[in-house]
């Protein structure tokens, strides 16, 4: 990405060419996939950047990124990542940040974290941040679960349109909180053009995966493997493993030994067990 930034600085024509969305999409598609981790500290104004594809002790495996944002790290919360972009919540607004280019885009949340519609109170429970390839658009999804009845709401923010829209969906009417600690909490797993959250269907009395597809703008529910009883586990999470949707659970016994179970969604759920 550094060479692209240098090329953009040559002249106005090159700047325009390298700023086009078609170039950005082609560059992302043909670039080598790299696994990188960012560490934010509440105590220092620096960000540790680690490339996990390299040996940890190698000289170029990590570096320190300068901190150029207004708020301290202690007030920031990462609530989504997609295609190298990071969605950050800071007090009063959201920030989309590209660590490679330092491009930022800020926007205000709507509605507020606790909203009131027709006399009912809603609490914000789920976030989603992804890329709609059908419209070449980044979107942010917020799901609010009602505190009084199942008339839950969802709002979607379009980065291109710089606007929110509010809608209801029947798949949300039976959703409530899961009975187990979810590792990523309210943050989604973005996989296969869809957001995924671990949730609970109170109508069927079963734990489910709530999903929102960006292409058709609809919610749907996936069943968790029938042999899994979440109350028997310490925590659970969703992961993208080998380009498959994976459901992971962790169990701790009285000796503090841990057992990790992983199910991959390859047409059907297939269990994989690791010690």
Protein backbone atom coordinates (compact mmCIF):
# COMPACT_ATOMS: atom_id res chain seq x y z
CA UNK A 1 0.00 0.00 0.00
CA UNK A 2 2.96 2.35 0.54
CA UNK A 3 3.86 2.28 -3.16
CA UNK A 4 0.25 3.18 -4.03
CA UNK A 5 0.38 6.16 -1.67
CA UNK A 6 3.62 7.34 -3.26
CA UNK A 7 2.13 7.02 -6.75
CA UNK A 8 -0.90 9.11 -5.71
CA UNK A 9 1.47 11.91 -4.74
CA UNK A 10 3.09 12.19 -8.21
CA UNK A 11 0.44 14.37 -9.88
CA UNK A 12 -3.29 15.12 -9.95
CA UNK A 13 -3.92 12.63 -12.77
CA UNK A 14 -2.28 9.76 -10.90
CA UNK A 15 -4.05 10.78 -7.71
CA UNK A 16 -7.41 10.54 -9.52
CA UNK A 17 -6.56 7.18 -11.12
CA UNK A 18 -5.43 5.54 -7.90
CA UNK A 19 -8.40 6.98 -5.98
CA UNK A 20 -11.01 5.29 -8.17
CA UNK A 21 -13.07 2.55 -6.53
CA UNK A 22 -12.40 0.13 -9.42
CA UNK A 23 -8.67 0.30 -8.74
CA UNK A 24 -9.22 -0.20 -5.01
CA UNK A 25 -11.38 -3.29 -5.62
CA UNK A 26 -8.84 -4.77 -8.06
CA UNK A 27 -5.95 -4.03 -5.72
CA UNK A 28 -7.79 -5.74 -2.84
CA UNK A 29 -8.75 -8.74 -4.99
CA UNK A 30 -5.23 -9.42 -6.28
CA UNK A 31 -3.28 -8.57 -3.14
CA UNK A 32 -1.88 -11.33 -0.98
CA UNK A 33 -4.06 -12.15 2.01
CA UNK A 34 -2.19 -11.29 5.20
CA UNK A 35 -3.27 -11.99 8.76
CA UNK A 36 -2.59 -8.95 10.89
CA UNK A 37 -3.52 -7.99 14.43
CA UNK A 38 -3.83 -4.53 15.94
CA UNK A 39 -3.39 -4.01 19.68
CA UNK A 40 -4.87 -0.91 21.29
CA UNK A 41 -3.66 0.11 24.73
CA UNK A 42 -5.62 2.20 27.22
CA UNK A 43 -2.41 3.61 28.68
CA UNK A 44 -0.26 4.68 25.72
CA UNK A 45 -1.08 6.61 22.55
CA UNK A 46 0.36 3.96 20.28
CA UNK A 47 -1.02 1.02 18.30
CA UNK A 48 0.96 -2.21 18.03
CA UNK A 49 0.73 -3.77 14.57
CA UNK A 50 1.58 -7.52 14.33
CA UNK A 51 1.79 -9.62 11.15
CA UNK A 52 0.87 -13.14 12.35
CA UNK A 53 1.94 -14.73 9.06
CA UNK A 54 5.59 -14.11 10.01
CA UNK A 55 7.68 -15.54 12.88
CA UNK A 56 6.86 -13.51 15.96
CA UNK A 57 10.51 -12.70 16.73
CA UNK A 58 11.41 -11.57 13.22
CA UNK A 59 12.37 -7.93 12.82
CA UNK A 60 9.52 -7.07 10.47
CA UNK A 61 6.77 -8.99 12.31
CA UNK A 62 5.58 -5.98 14.28
CA UNK A 63 5.74 -2.22 14.30
CA UNK A 64 4.31 0.75 16.18
CA UNK A 65 1.71 2.87 14.42
CA UNK A 66 1.45 6.54 15.43
CA UNK A 67 -1.79 7.54 17.08
CA UNK A 68 -3.48 10.37 15.19
CA UNK A 69 -7.01 10.32 16.54
CA UNK A 70 -8.76 12.85 18.75
CA UNK A 71 -9.93 10.47 21.47
CA UNK A 72 -7.76 8.41 23.79
CA UNK A 73 -7.74 4.63 23.28
CA UNK A 74 -9.58 4.21 26.57
CA UNK A 75 -12.72 5.68 24.99
CA UNK A 76 -12.54 3.64 21.78
CA UNK A 77 -14.22 0.33 21.03
CA UNK A 78 -13.67 -1.74 17.89
CA UNK A 79 -17.04 -3.15 16.84
CA UNK A 80 -16.32 -4.50 13.36
CA UNK A 81 -13.72 -5.19 10.67
CA UNK A 82 -14.11 -5.74 6.92
CA UNK A 83 -11.67 -5.84 3.99
CA UNK A 84 -8.95 -4.07 5.95
CA UNK A 85 -11.34 -1.40 7.26
CA UNK A 86 -12.11 -1.04 10.97
CA UNK A 87 -15.33 0.30 12.48
CA UNK A 88 -14.62 2.10 15.76
CA UNK A 89 -17.08 3.48 18.28
CA UNK A 90 -15.98 6.61 20.10
CA UNK A 91 -18.20 8.84 22.22
CA UNK A 92 -20.94 10.49 20.11
CA UNK A 93 -19.98 9.03 16.70
CA UNK A 94 -18.68 6.11 14.62
CA UNK A 95 -15.37 6.10 12.77
CA UNK A 96 -14.40 3.94 9.77
CA UNK A 97 -10.62 3.71 9.63
CA UNK A 98 -8.18 2.16 7.15
CA UNK A 99 -4.91 1.52 9.09
CA UNK A 100 -2.93 1.15 5.83
CA UNK A 101 -3.84 4.53 4.33
CA UNK A 102 -5.14 6.35 7.44
CA UNK A 103 -8.32 7.11 5.52
CA UNK A 104 -11.18 7.90 7.93
CA UNK A 105 -14.91 8.48 7.57
CA UNK A 106 -17.02 9.53 10.55
CA UNK A 107 -20.80 9.49 10.98
CA UNK A 108 -23.30 9.84 13.78
CA UNK A 109 -25.24 6.87 15.16
CA UNK A 110 -28.95 6.90 14.59
CA UNK A 111 -30.98 6.23 16.54
CA UNK A 112 -29.17 6.62 19.88
CA UNK A 113 -28.06 3.61 21.90
CA UNK A 114 -31.37 3.56 23.77
CA UNK A 115 -34.26 4.66 21.58
CA UNK A 116 -37.97 4.97 22.16
CA UNK A 117 -40.59 4.13 19.54
CA UNK A 118 -44.32 4.33 20.26
CA UNK A 119 -43.76 4.22 24.00
CA UNK A 120 -41.42 1.20 23.92
CA UNK A 121 -37.76 1.18 24.93
CA UNK A 122 -35.12 -0.58 22.86
CA UNK A 123 -31.58 -1.54 23.87
CA UNK A 124 -28.77 -1.83 21.33
CA UNK A 125 -27.61 -5.45 21.23
CA UNK A 126 -25.87 -6.30 17.93
CA UNK A 127 -23.47 -4.56 15.54
CA UNK A 128 -22.51 -5.44 11.97
CA UNK A 129 -19.98 -3.92 9.56
CA UNK A 130 -19.56 -5.33 6.05
CA UNK A 131 -19.25 -4.77 2.32
CA UNK A 132 -22.21 -5.07 -0.08
CA UNK A 133 -20.49 -6.13 -3.31
CA UNK A 134 -23.73 -5.80 -5.31
CA UNK A 135 -23.72 -2.04 -4.72
CA UNK A 136 -20.01 -1.46 -3.99
CA UNK A 137 -20.99 -0.08 -0.61
CA UNK A 138 -19.94 -0.48 3.01
CA UNK A 139 -22.86 -0.85 5.43
CA UNK A 140 -23.32 -0.77 9.20
CA UNK A 141 -26.15 -2.71 10.86
CA UNK A 142 -27.48 -2.14 14.37
CA UNK A 143 -30.10 -4.42 15.95
CA UNK A 144 -32.21 -3.23 18.87
CA UNK A 145 -34.04 -5.76 21.02
CA UNK A 146 -37.19 -4.46 22.67
CA UNK A 147 -37.33 -4.45 26.47
CA UNK A 148 -41.12 -4.87 26.49
CA UNK A 149 -42.22 -7.04 23.55
CA UNK A 150 -40.77 -8.86 20.49
CA UNK A 151 -41.17 -5.90 18.12
CA UNK A 152 -37.44 -5.62 17.59
CA UNK A 153 -35.93 -3.12 15.16
CA UNK A 154 -32.90 -2.99 12.90
CA UNK A 155 -31.25 0.04 11.33
CA UNK A 156 -28.83 -0.01 8.39
CA UNK A 157 -26.36 2.75 7.54
CA UNK A 158 -25.18 3.15 3.93
CA UNK A 159 -21.70 4.68 3.67
CA UNK A 160 -22.27 5.73 0.04
CA UNK A 161 -25.65 7.25 0.78
CA UNK A 162 -24.58 8.62 4.18
CA UNK A 163 -28.03 7.75 5.54
CA UNK A 164 -29.81 5.39 7.95
CA UNK A 165 -32.95 3.36 7.29
CA UNK A 166 -35.14 1.66 9.89
CA UNK A 167 -37.00 -1.60 9.27
CA UNK A 168 -38.56 -4.63 10.95
CA UNK A 169 -38.17 -8.31 10.04
CA UNK A 170 -40.15 -11.35 11.16
CA UNK A 171 -36.93 -13.27 11.90
CA UNK A 172 -36.17 -10.76 14.66
CA UNK A 173 -39.46 -11.29 16.51
CA UNK A 174 -38.36 -14.52 18.21
CA UNK A 175 -34.79 -13.45 19.03
CA UNK A 176 -33.38 -12.78 22.49
CA UNK A 177 -30.05 -13.15 24.32
CA UNK A 178 -28.20 -16.51 24.38
CA UNK A 179 -27.77 -18.33 27.69
CA UNK A 180 -23.95 -18.47 27.43
CA UNK A 181 -21.10 -16.00 27.35
CA UNK A 182 -20.39 -15.20 23.68
CA UNK A 183 -16.75 -14.29 23.08
CA UNK A 184 -17.34 -11.53 20.53
CA UNK A 185 -20.54 -10.43 22.27
CA UNK A 186 -22.53 -7.99 20.16
CA UNK A 187 -19.96 -7.99 17.32
CA UNK A 188 -20.80 -10.04 14.26
CA UNK A 189 -18.84 -12.53 12.19
CA UNK A 190 -18.86 -11.23 8.61
CA UNK A 191 -18.78 -14.23 6.28
CA UNK A 192 -20.30 -15.10 2.89
CA UNK A 193 -21.97 -11.72 2.31
CA UNK A 194 -23.75 -12.10 5.66
CA UNK A 195 -23.45 -11.04 9.29
CA UNK A 196 -23.77 -13.78 11.91
CA UNK A 197 -24.56 -13.52 15.63
CA UNK A 198 -25.12 -16.23 18.25
CA UNK A 199 -28.58 -15.73 19.69
CA UNK A 200 -31.58 -17.56 21.17
CA UNK A 201 -35.03 -18.28 19.72
CA UNK A 202 -37.47 -18.14 22.61
CA UNK A 203 -40.33 -19.54 20.50
CA UNK A 204 -38.53 -22.81 19.71
CA UNK A 205 -36.49 -22.68 22.94
CA UNK A 206 -33.28 -23.24 20.99
CA UNK A 207 -29.97 -21.46 20.49
CA UNK A 208 -29.58 -20.24 16.92
CA UNK A 209 -27.31 -18.19 14.69
CA UNK A 210 -29.00 -15.01 13.52
CA UNK A 211 -27.78 -13.95 10.08
CA UNK A 212 -28.35 -10.90 7.90
CA UNK A 213 -27.59 -11.16 4.18
CA UNK A 214 -26.31 -7.94 2.63
CA UNK A 215 -27.30 -8.83 -0.93
CA UNK A 216 -31.02 -9.51 -0.36
CA UNK A 217 -31.28 -7.37 2.83
CA UNK A 218 -33.02 -10.11 4.81
CA UNK A 219 -32.57 -11.84 8.16
CA UNK A 220 -32.62 -15.61 8.57
CA UNK A 221 -31.73 -18.14 11.24
CA UNK A 222 -29.31 -21.08 11.22
CA UNK A 223 -29.66 -24.01 13.58
CA UNK A 224 -26.81 -24.78 15.92
CA UNK A 225 -25.77 -28.50 15.92
CA UNK A 226 -28.50 -30.42 17.75
CA UNK A 227 -26.05 -32.19 20.06
CA UNK A 228 -24.75 -28.87 21.39
CA UNK A 229 -26.19 -27.65 24.69
CA UNK A 230 -24.69 -24.20 25.21
CA UNK A 231 -25.37 -24.15 28.95
CA UNK A 232 -22.76 -26.93 29.28
CA UNK A 233 -19.97 -24.73 27.91
CA UNK A 234 -17.88 -21.89 29.32
CA UNK A 235 -18.05 -19.71 26.21
CA UNK A 236 -18.67 -19.91 22.48
CA UNK A 237 -17.86 -17.96 19.32
CA UNK A 238 -18.15 -17.92 15.53
CA UNK A 239 -15.11 -18.04 13.27
CA UNK A 240 -14.16 -18.24 9.60
CA UNK A 241 -11.96 -21.35 9.38
CA UNK A 242 -10.78 -22.63 5.99
CA UNK A 243 -13.43 -20.48 4.30
CA UNK A 244 -16.20 -22.21 6.24
CA UNK A 245 -18.51 -20.87 8.93
CA UNK A 246 -17.29 -22.47 12.16
CA UNK A 247 -19.09 -22.67 15.49
CA UNK A 248 -16.65 -23.02 18.41
CA UNK A 249 -17.26 -23.91 22.06
CA UNK A 250 -14.94 -24.06 25.07
CA UNK A 251 -15.56 -26.27 28.12
CA UNK A 252 -13.59 -26.10 31.35
CA UNK A 253 -13.68 -28.93 33.89
CA UNK A 254 -13.01 -28.90 37.63
CA UNK A 255 -9.25 -29.36 36.99
CA UNK A 256 -9.15 -26.26 34.78
CA UNK A 257 -8.49 -28.39 31.72
CA UNK A 258 -10.05 -27.06 28.52
CA UNK A 259 -11.76 -28.85 25.67
CA UNK A 260 -12.46 -26.98 22.42
CA UNK A 261 -15.12 -28.25 20.00
CA UNK A 262 -15.38 -26.88 16.45
CA UNK A 263 -18.18 -27.50 13.96
CA UNK A 264 -17.75 -26.40 10.35
CA UNK A 265 -20.72 -25.59 8.12
CA UNK A 266 -19.98 -27.53 4.91
CA UNK A 267 -23.54 -28.05 3.66
CA UNK A 268 -24.06 -29.85 6.99
CA UNK A 269 -22.46 -29.29 10.37
CA UNK A 270 -19.34 -31.45 10.79
CA UNK A 271 -17.75 -31.70 14.25
CA UNK A 272 -14.02 -31.40 14.81
CA UNK A 273 -12.57 -31.90 18.28
CA UNK A 274 -9.28 -30.56 19.59
CA UNK A 275 -7.59 -30.94 22.97
